[in-house]
Amino acid sequence: MSYINLYRLKEHRKRRGLTQQELAILSGVSRPTIAALELGYRSAYPGTTQKLAKALKVRPEALVLLDKDQGSS
């Protein structure tokens, strides 16, 4: 199972100079959902990951941390 790496979502959004609202408009993911993802209150479905990655112009892998990577620092 994979989940959104929340730190990297916010990092990529800020790198693109986008607000949560702007990312919501570009991705079709609601602003409250983006906020919850960034704060770690929610995990994202694969489709949500795809939408966010496309809006941020990154590969989905840039936003996703696989379970096997969780232990590595």
PDB file of N, CA and C in Angstrom:
ATOM      1  N   MET A   1       0.842  -1.184   0.000  1.00  0.00           N
ATOM      2  CA  MET A   1       0.000   0.000   0.000  1.00  0.00           C
ATOM      3  C   MET A   1       0.888   1.250   0.000  1.00  0.00           C
ATOM      4  N   SER A   2       0.483   2.248  -0.723  1.00  0.00           N
ATOM      5  CA  SER A   2       1.231   3.490  -0.739  1.00  0.00           C
ATOM      6  C   SER A   2       0.345   4.620  -0.213  1.00  0.00           C
ATOM      7  N   TYR A   3       0.961   5.687   0.185  1.00  0.00           N
ATOM      8  CA  TYR A   3       0.222   6.828   0.705  1.00  0.00           C
ATOM      9  C   TYR A   3       0.957   8.102   0.323  1.00  0.00           C
ATOM     10  N   ILE A   4       0.246   9.216   0.393  1.00  0.00           N
ATOM     11  CA  ILE A   4       0.858  10.497   0.057  1.00  0.00           C
ATOM     12  C   ILE A   4       1.909  10.854   1.097  1.00  0.00           C
ATOM     13  N   ASN A   5       3.080  11.213   0.635  1.00  0.00           N
ATOM     14  CA  ASN A   5       4.109  11.751   1.511  1.00  0.00           C
ATOM     15  C   ASN A   5       3.774  13.234   1.686  1.00  0.00           C
ATOM     16  N   LEU A   6       3.130  13.563   2.780  1.00  0.00           N
ATOM     17  CA  LEU A   6       2.541  14.885   2.963  1.00  0.00           C
ATOM     18  C   LEU A   6       3.569  16.012   2.928  1.00  0.00           C
ATOM     19  N   TYR A   7       4.731  15.785   3.479  1.00  0.00           N
ATOM     20  CA  TYR A   7       5.773  16.808   3.453  1.00  0.00           C
ATOM     21  C   TYR A   7       6.112  17.181   2.013  1.00  0.00           C
ATOM     22  N   ARG A   8       6.190  16.171   1.171  1.00  0.00           N
ATOM     23  CA  ARG A   8       6.580  16.431  -0.211  1.00  0.00           C
ATOM     24  C   ARG A   8       5.456  17.074  -1.016  1.00  0.00           C
ATOM     25  N   LEU A   9       4.212  16.810  -0.660  1.00  0.00           N
ATOM     26  CA  LEU A   9       3.099  17.468  -1.346  1.00  0.00           C
ATOM     27  C   LEU A   9       3.190  18.978  -1.143  1.00  0.00           C
ATOM     28  N   LYS A  10       3.333  19.391   0.088  1.00  0.00           N
ATOM     29  CA  LYS A  10       3.432  20.820   0.395  1.00  0.00           C
ATOM     30  C   LYS A  10       4.682  21.422  -0.245  1.00  0.00           C
ATOM     31  N   GLU A  11       5.779  20.674  -0.180  1.00  0.00           N
ATOM     32  CA  GLU A  11       7.037  21.137  -0.773  1.00  0.00           C
ATOM     33  C   GLU A  11       6.871  21.413  -2.266  1.00  0.00           C
ATOM     34  N   HIS A  12       6.250  20.487  -2.990  1.00  0.00           N
ATOM     35  CA  HIS A  12       6.066  20.656  -4.436  1.00  0.00           C
ATOM     36  C   HIS A  12       5.072  21.783  -4.732  1.00  0.00           C
ATOM     37  N   ARG A  13       4.036  21.909  -3.927  1.00  0.00           N
ATOM     38  CA  ARG A  13       3.071  22.989  -4.130  1.00  0.00           C
ATOM     39  C   ARG A  13       3.753  24.345  -3.964  1.00  0.00           C
ATOM     40  N   LYS A  14       4.523  24.487  -2.906  1.00  0.00           N
ATOM     41  CA  LYS A  14       5.206  25.761  -2.655  1.00  0.00           C
ATOM     42  C   LYS A  14       6.271  26.033  -3.725  1.00  0.00           C
ATOM     43  N   ARG A  15       6.954  24.995  -4.166  1.00  0.00           N
ATOM     44  CA  ARG A  15       7.967  25.148  -5.213  1.00  0.00           C
ATOM     45  C   ARG A  15       7.352  25.721  -6.489  1.00  0.00           C
ATOM     46  N   ARG A  16       6.115  25.330  -6.776  1.00  0.00           N
ATOM     47  CA  ARG A  16       5.415  25.833  -7.960  1.00  0.00           C
ATOM     48  C   ARG A  16       4.771  27.191  -7.702  1.00  0.00           C
ATOM     49  N   GLY A  17       4.864  27.672  -6.454  1.00  0.00           N
ATOM     50  CA  GLY A  17       4.312  28.972  -6.124  1.00  0.00           C
ATOM     51  C   GLY A  17       2.796  28.995  -6.078  1.00  0.00           C
ATOM     52  N   LEU A  18       2.201  27.871  -5.712  1.00  0.00           N
ATOM     53  CA  LEU A  18       0.744  27.755  -5.689  1.00  0.00           C
ATOM     54  C   LEU A  18       0.192  27.804  -4.272  1.00  0.00           C
ATOM     55  N   THR A  19      -0.978  28.405  -4.130  1.00  0.00           N
ATOM     56  CA  THR A  19      -1.716  28.296  -2.876  1.00  0.00           C
ATOM     57  C   THR A  19      -2.488  26.986  -2.900  1.00  0.00           C
ATOM     58  N   GLN A  20      -3.016  26.603  -1.759  1.00  0.00           N
ATOM     59  CA  GLN A  20      -3.860  25.404  -1.725  1.00  0.00           C
ATOM     60  C   GLN A  20      -5.063  25.583  -2.644  1.00  0.00           C
ATOM     61  N   GLN A  21      -5.644  26.766  -2.667  1.00  0.00           N
ATOM     62  CA  GLN A  21      -6.806  27.015  -3.523  1.00  0.00           C
ATOM     63  C   GLN A  21      -6.445  26.892  -4.997  1.00  0.00           C
ATOM     64  N   GLU A  22      -5.303  27.429  -5.385  1.00  0.00           N
ATOM     65  CA  GLU A  22      -4.874  27.326  -6.783  1.00  0.00           C
ATOM     66  C   GLU A  22      -4.627  25.877  -7.174  1.00  0.00           C
ATOM     67  N   LEU A  23      -4.004  25.105  -6.286  1.00  0.00           N
ATOM     68  CA  LEU A  23      -3.785  23.689  -6.558  1.00  0.00           C
ATOM     69  C   LEU A  23      -5.119  22.959  -6.651  1.00  0.00           C
ATOM     70  N   ALA A  24      -6.058  23.330  -5.820  1.00  0.00           N
ATOM     71  CA  ALA A  24      -7.386  22.714  -5.865  1.00  0.00           C
ATOM     72  C   ALA A  24      -8.040  22.936  -7.228  1.00  0.00           C
ATOM     73  N   ILE A  25      -7.946  24.145  -7.729  1.00  0.00           N
ATOM     74  CA  ILE A  25      -8.539  24.455  -9.033  1.00  0.00           C
ATOM     75  C   ILE A  25      -7.846  23.675 -10.143  1.00  0.00           C
ATOM     76  N   LEU A  26      -6.526  23.641 -10.116  1.00  0.00           N
ATOM     77  CA  LEU A  26      -5.763  22.934 -11.155  1.00  0.00           C
ATOM     78  C   LEU A  26      -5.971  21.425 -11.127  1.00  0.00           C
ATOM     79  N   SER A  27      -6.115  20.863  -9.925  1.00  0.00           N
ATOM     80  CA  SER A  27      -6.160  19.407  -9.778  1.00  0.00           C
ATOM     81  C   SER A  27      -7.558  18.830  -9.713  1.00  0.00           C
ATOM     82  N   GLY A  28      -8.538  19.643  -9.333  1.00  0.00           N
ATOM     83  CA  GLY A  28      -9.882  19.105  -9.127  1.00  0.00           C
ATOM     84  C   GLY A  28     -10.043  18.433  -7.776  1.00  0.00           C
ATOM     85  N   VAL A  29      -9.056  18.603  -6.902  1.00  0.00           N
ATOM     86  CA  VAL A  29      -9.101  18.081  -5.529  1.00  0.00           C
ATOM     87  C   VAL A  29      -9.468  19.261  -4.634  1.00  0.00           C
ATOM     88  N   SER A  30     -10.414  19.081  -3.735  1.00  0.00           N
ATOM     89  CA  SER A  30     -10.881  20.209  -2.931  1.00  0.00           C
ATOM     90  C   SER A  30      -9.777  20.770  -2.034  1.00  0.00           C
ATOM     91  N   ARG A  31      -9.859  22.083  -1.763  1.00  0.00           N
ATOM     92  CA  ARG A  31      -8.889  22.720  -0.885  1.00  0.00           C
ATOM     93  C   ARG A  31      -8.882  22.108   0.510  1.00  0.00           C
ATOM     94  N   PRO A  32     -10.047  21.800   1.106  1.00  0.00           N
ATOM     95  CA  PRO A  32     -10.009  21.148   2.419  1.00  0.00           C
ATOM     96  C   PRO A  32      -9.300  19.780   2.388  1.00  0.00           C
ATOM     97  N   THR A  33      -9.440  19.057   1.285  1.00  0.00           N
ATOM     98  CA  THR A  33      -8.741  17.773   1.163  1.00  0.00           C
ATOM     99  C   THR A  33      -7.240  18.000   1.080  1.00  0.00           C
ATOM    100  N   ILE A  34      -6.816  18.972   0.286  1.00  0.00           N
ATOM    101  CA  ILE A  34      -5.383  19.277   0.182  1.00  0.00           C
ATOM    102  C   ILE A  34      -4.836  19.677   1.547  1.00  0.00           C
ATOM    103  N   ALA A  35      -5.558  20.525   2.265  1.00  0.00           N
ATOM    104  CA  ALA A  35      -5.119  20.938   3.598  1.00  0.00           C
ATOM    105  C   ALA A  35      -4.997  19.734   4.521  1.00  0.00           C
ATOM    106  N   ALA A  36      -5.985  18.848   4.490  1.00  0.00           N
ATOM    107  CA  ALA A  36      -5.960  17.661   5.352  1.00  0.00           C
ATOM    108  C   ALA A  36      -4.799  16.745   4.988  1.00  0.00           C
ATOM    109  N   LEU A  37      -4.496  16.616   3.701  1.00  0.00           N
ATOM    110  CA  LEU A  37      -3.361  15.801   3.265  1.00  0.00           C
ATOM    111  C   LEU A  37      -2.051  16.397   3.763  1.00  0.00           C
ATOM    112  N   GLU A  38      -1.908  17.692   3.620  1.00  0.00           N
ATOM    113  CA  GLU A  38      -0.673  18.352   4.047  1.00  0.00           C
ATOM    114  C   GLU A  38      -0.482  18.291   5.564  1.00  0.00           C
ATOM    115  N   LEU A  39      -1.563  18.305   6.300  1.00  0.00           N
ATOM    116  CA  LEU A  39      -1.474  18.245   7.762  1.00  0.00           C
ATOM    117  C   LEU A  39      -1.395  16.819   8.298  1.00  0.00           C
ATOM    118  N   GLY A  40      -1.542  15.845   7.407  1.00  0.00           N
ATOM    119  CA  GLY A  40      -1.460  14.444   7.822  1.00  0.00           C
ATOM    120  C   GLY A  40      -2.741  13.890   8.396  1.00  0.00           C
ATOM    121  N   TYR A  41      -3.850  14.574   8.184  1.00  0.00           N
ATOM    122  CA  TYR A  41      -5.136  14.105   8.698  1.00  0.00           C
ATOM    123  C   TYR A  41      -5.794  13.076   7.789  1.00  0.00           C
ATOM    124  N   ARG A  42      -5.336  13.001   6.530  1.00  0.00           N
ATOM    125  CA  ARG A  42      -5.911  12.077   5.552  1.00  0.00           C
ATOM    126  C   ARG A  42      -4.810  11.438   4.734  1.00  0.00           C
ATOM    127  N   SER A  43      -5.134  10.285   4.190  1.00  0.00           N
ATOM    128  CA  SER A  43      -4.308   9.643   3.163  1.00  0.00           C
ATOM    129  C   SER A  43      -5.036   9.810   1.843  1.00  0.00           C
ATOM    130  N   ALA A  44      -4.297   9.753   0.759  1.00  0.00           N
ATOM    131  CA  ALA A  44      -4.900   9.968  -0.558  1.00  0.00           C
ATOM    132  C   ALA A  44      -5.102   8.659  -1.304  1.00  0.00           C
ATOM    133  N   TYR A  45      -6.181   8.602  -2.060  1.00  0.00           N
ATOM    134  CA  TYR A  45      -6.402   7.499  -2.985  1.00  0.00           C
ATOM    135  C   TYR A  45      -5.431   7.651  -4.156  1.00  0.00           C
ATOM    136  N   PRO A  46      -5.143   6.563  -4.859  1.00  0.00           N
ATOM    137  CA  PRO A  46      -4.245   6.672  -6.020  1.00  0.00           C
ATOM    138  C   PRO A  46      -4.714   7.701  -7.048  1.00  0.00           C
ATOM    139  N   GLY A  47      -6.006   7.789  -7.287  1.00  0.00           N
ATOM    140  CA  GLY A  47      -6.521   8.769  -8.247  1.00  0.00           C
ATOM    141  C   GLY A  47      -6.248  10.196  -7.813  1.00  0.00           C
ATOM    142  N   THR A  48      -6.338  10.449  -6.523  1.00  0.00           N
ATOM    143  CA  THR A  48      -6.037  11.771  -5.990  1.00  0.00           C
ATOM    144  C   THR A  48      -4.560  12.087  -6.170  1.00  0.00           C
ATOM    145  N   THR A  49      -3.725  11.097  -5.923  1.00  0.00           N
ATOM    146  CA  THR A  49      -2.288  11.269  -6.120  1.00  0.00           C
ATOM    147  C   THR A  49      -1.998  11.631  -7.572  1.00  0.00           C
ATOM    148  N   GLN A  50      -2.657  10.953  -8.505  1.00  0.00           N
ATOM    149  CA  GLN A  50      -2.462  11.232  -9.932  1.00  0.00           C
ATOM    150  C   GLN A  50      -2.869  12.665 -10.272  1.00  0.00           C
ATOM    151  N   LYS A  51      -4.019  13.092  -9.772  1.00  0.00           N
ATOM    152  CA  LYS A  51      -4.501  14.444 -10.056  1.00  0.00           C
ATOM    153  C   LYS A  51      -3.546  15.506  -9.520  1.00  0.00           C
ATOM    154  N   LEU A  52      -3.085  15.306  -8.295  1.00  0.00           N
ATOM    155  CA  LEU A  52      -2.172  16.280  -7.697  1.00  0.00           C
ATOM    156  C   LEU A  52      -0.845  16.309  -8.439  1.00  0.00           C
ATOM    157  N   ALA A  53      -0.328  15.144  -8.780  1.00  0.00           N
ATOM    158  CA  ALA A  53       0.946  15.073  -9.502  1.00  0.00           C
ATOM    159  C   ALA A  53       0.843  15.767 -10.858  1.00  0.00           C
ATOM    160  N   LYS A  54      -0.240  15.523 -11.556  1.00  0.00           N
ATOM    161  CA  LYS A  54      -0.423  16.150 -12.871  1.00  0.00           C
ATOM    162  C   LYS A  54      -0.481  17.670 -12.732  1.00  0.00           C
ATOM    163  N   ALA A  55      -1.222  18.161 -11.751  1.00  0.00           N
ATOM    164  CA  ALA A  55      -1.334  19.610 -11.541  1.00  0.00           C
ATOM    165  C   ALA A  55       0.001  20.231 -11.154  1.00  0.00           C
ATOM    166  N   LEU A  56       0.811  19.480 -10.418  1.00  0.00           N
ATOM    167  CA  LEU A  56       2.111  19.979  -9.971  1.00  0.00           C
ATOM    168  C   LEU A  56       3.221  19.722 -10.989  1.00  0.00           C
ATOM    169  N   LYS A  57       2.876  19.002 -12.060  1.00  0.00           N
ATOM    170  CA  LYS A  57       3.825  18.670 -13.128  1.00  0.00           C
ATOM    171  C   LYS A  57       5.006  17.864 -12.603  1.00  0.00           C
ATOM    172  N   VAL A  58       4.674  16.877 -11.775  1.00  0.00           N
ATOM    173  CA  VAL A  58       5.670  15.928 -11.269  1.00  0.00           C
ATOM    174  C   VAL A  58       5.125  14.530 -11.464  1.00  0.00           C
ATOM    175  N   ARG A  59       6.001  13.560 -11.384  1.00  0.00           N
ATOM    176  CA  ARG A  59       5.555  12.165 -11.436  1.00  0.00           C
ATOM    177  C   ARG A  59       4.877  11.827 -10.112  1.00  0.00           C
ATOM    178  N   PRO A  60       3.881  10.956 -10.128  1.00  0.00           N
ATOM    179  CA  PRO A  60       3.230  10.574  -8.881  1.00  0.00           C
ATOM    180  C   PRO A  60       4.216  10.071  -7.829  1.00  0.00           C
ATOM    181  N   GLU A  61       5.271   9.415  -8.284  1.00  0.00           N
ATOM    182  CA  GLU A  61       6.274   8.884  -7.369  1.00  0.00           C
ATOM    183  C   GLU A  61       6.937   9.992  -6.543  1.00  0.00           C
ATOM    184  N   ALA A  62       6.930  11.210  -7.063  1.00  0.00           N
ATOM    185  CA  ALA A  62       7.517  12.329  -6.323  1.00  0.00           C
ATOM    186  C   ALA A  62       6.701  12.678  -5.083  1.00  0.00           C
ATOM    187  N   LEU A  63       5.431  12.270  -5.070  1.00  0.00           N
ATOM    188  CA  LEU A  63       4.545  12.569  -3.952  1.00  0.00           C
ATOM    189  C   LEU A  63       4.303  11.371  -3.050  1.00  0.00           C
ATOM    190  N   VAL A  64       4.676  10.191  -3.530  1.00  0.00           N
ATOM    191  CA  VAL A  64       4.334   8.954  -2.830  1.00  0.00           C
ATOM    192  C   VAL A  64       5.559   8.334  -2.173  1.00  0.00           C
ATOM    193  N   LEU A  65       5.390   7.911  -0.955  1.00  0.00           N
ATOM    194  CA  LEU A  65       6.415   7.175  -0.231  1.00  0.00           C
ATOM    195  C   LEU A  65       5.896   5.769  -0.047  1.00  0.00           C
ATOM    196  N   LEU A  66       6.575   4.795  -0.617  1.00  0.00           N
ATOM    197  CA  LEU A  66       6.141   3.402  -0.473  1.00  0.00           C
ATOM    198  C   LEU A  66       6.489   2.889   0.906  1.00  0.00           C
ATOM    199  N   ASP A  67       5.701   1.935   1.409  1.00  0.00           N
ATOM    200  CA  ASP A  67       5.921   1.367   2.734  1.00  0.00           C
ATOM    201  C   ASP A  67       7.363   0.909   2.907  1.00  0.00           C
ATOM    202  N   LYS A  68       7.953   0.330   1.876  1.00  0.00           N
ATOM    203  CA  LYS A  68       9.311  -0.191   1.989  1.00  0.00           C
ATOM    204  C   LYS A  68      10.321   0.936   2.227  1.00  0.00           C
ATOM    205  N   ASP A  69       9.975   2.170   1.809  1.00  0.00           N
ATOM    206  CA  ASP A  69      10.865   3.312   2.001  1.00  0.00           C
ATOM    207  C   ASP A  69      10.692   3.969   3.361  1.00  0.00           C
ATOM    208  N   GLN A  70       9.666   3.598   4.067  1.00  0.00           N
ATOM    209  CA  GLN A  70       9.321   4.268   5.313  1.00  0.00           C
ATOM    210  C   GLN A  70      10.447   4.231   6.339  1.00  0.00           C
ATOM    211  N   GLY A  71      11.165   3.126   6.402  1.00  0.00           N
ATOM    212  CA  GLY A  71      12.215   2.986   7.406  1.00  0.00           C
ATOM    213  C   GLY A  71      13.526   3.626   7.043  1.00  0.00           C
ATOM    214  N   SER A  72      13.697   4.005   5.772  1.00  0.00           N
ATOM    215  CA  SER A  72      14.984   4.579   5.377  1.00  0.00           C
ATOM    216  C   SER A  72      15.009   6.072   5.628  1.00  0.00           C
ATOM    217  N   SER A  73      16.181   6.569   6.023  1.00  0.00           N
ATOM    218  CA  SER A  73      16.331   8.006   6.281  1.00  0.00           C
ATOM    219  C   SER A  73      17.453   8.550   5.450  1.00  0.00           C
TER     220      SER A  73
END
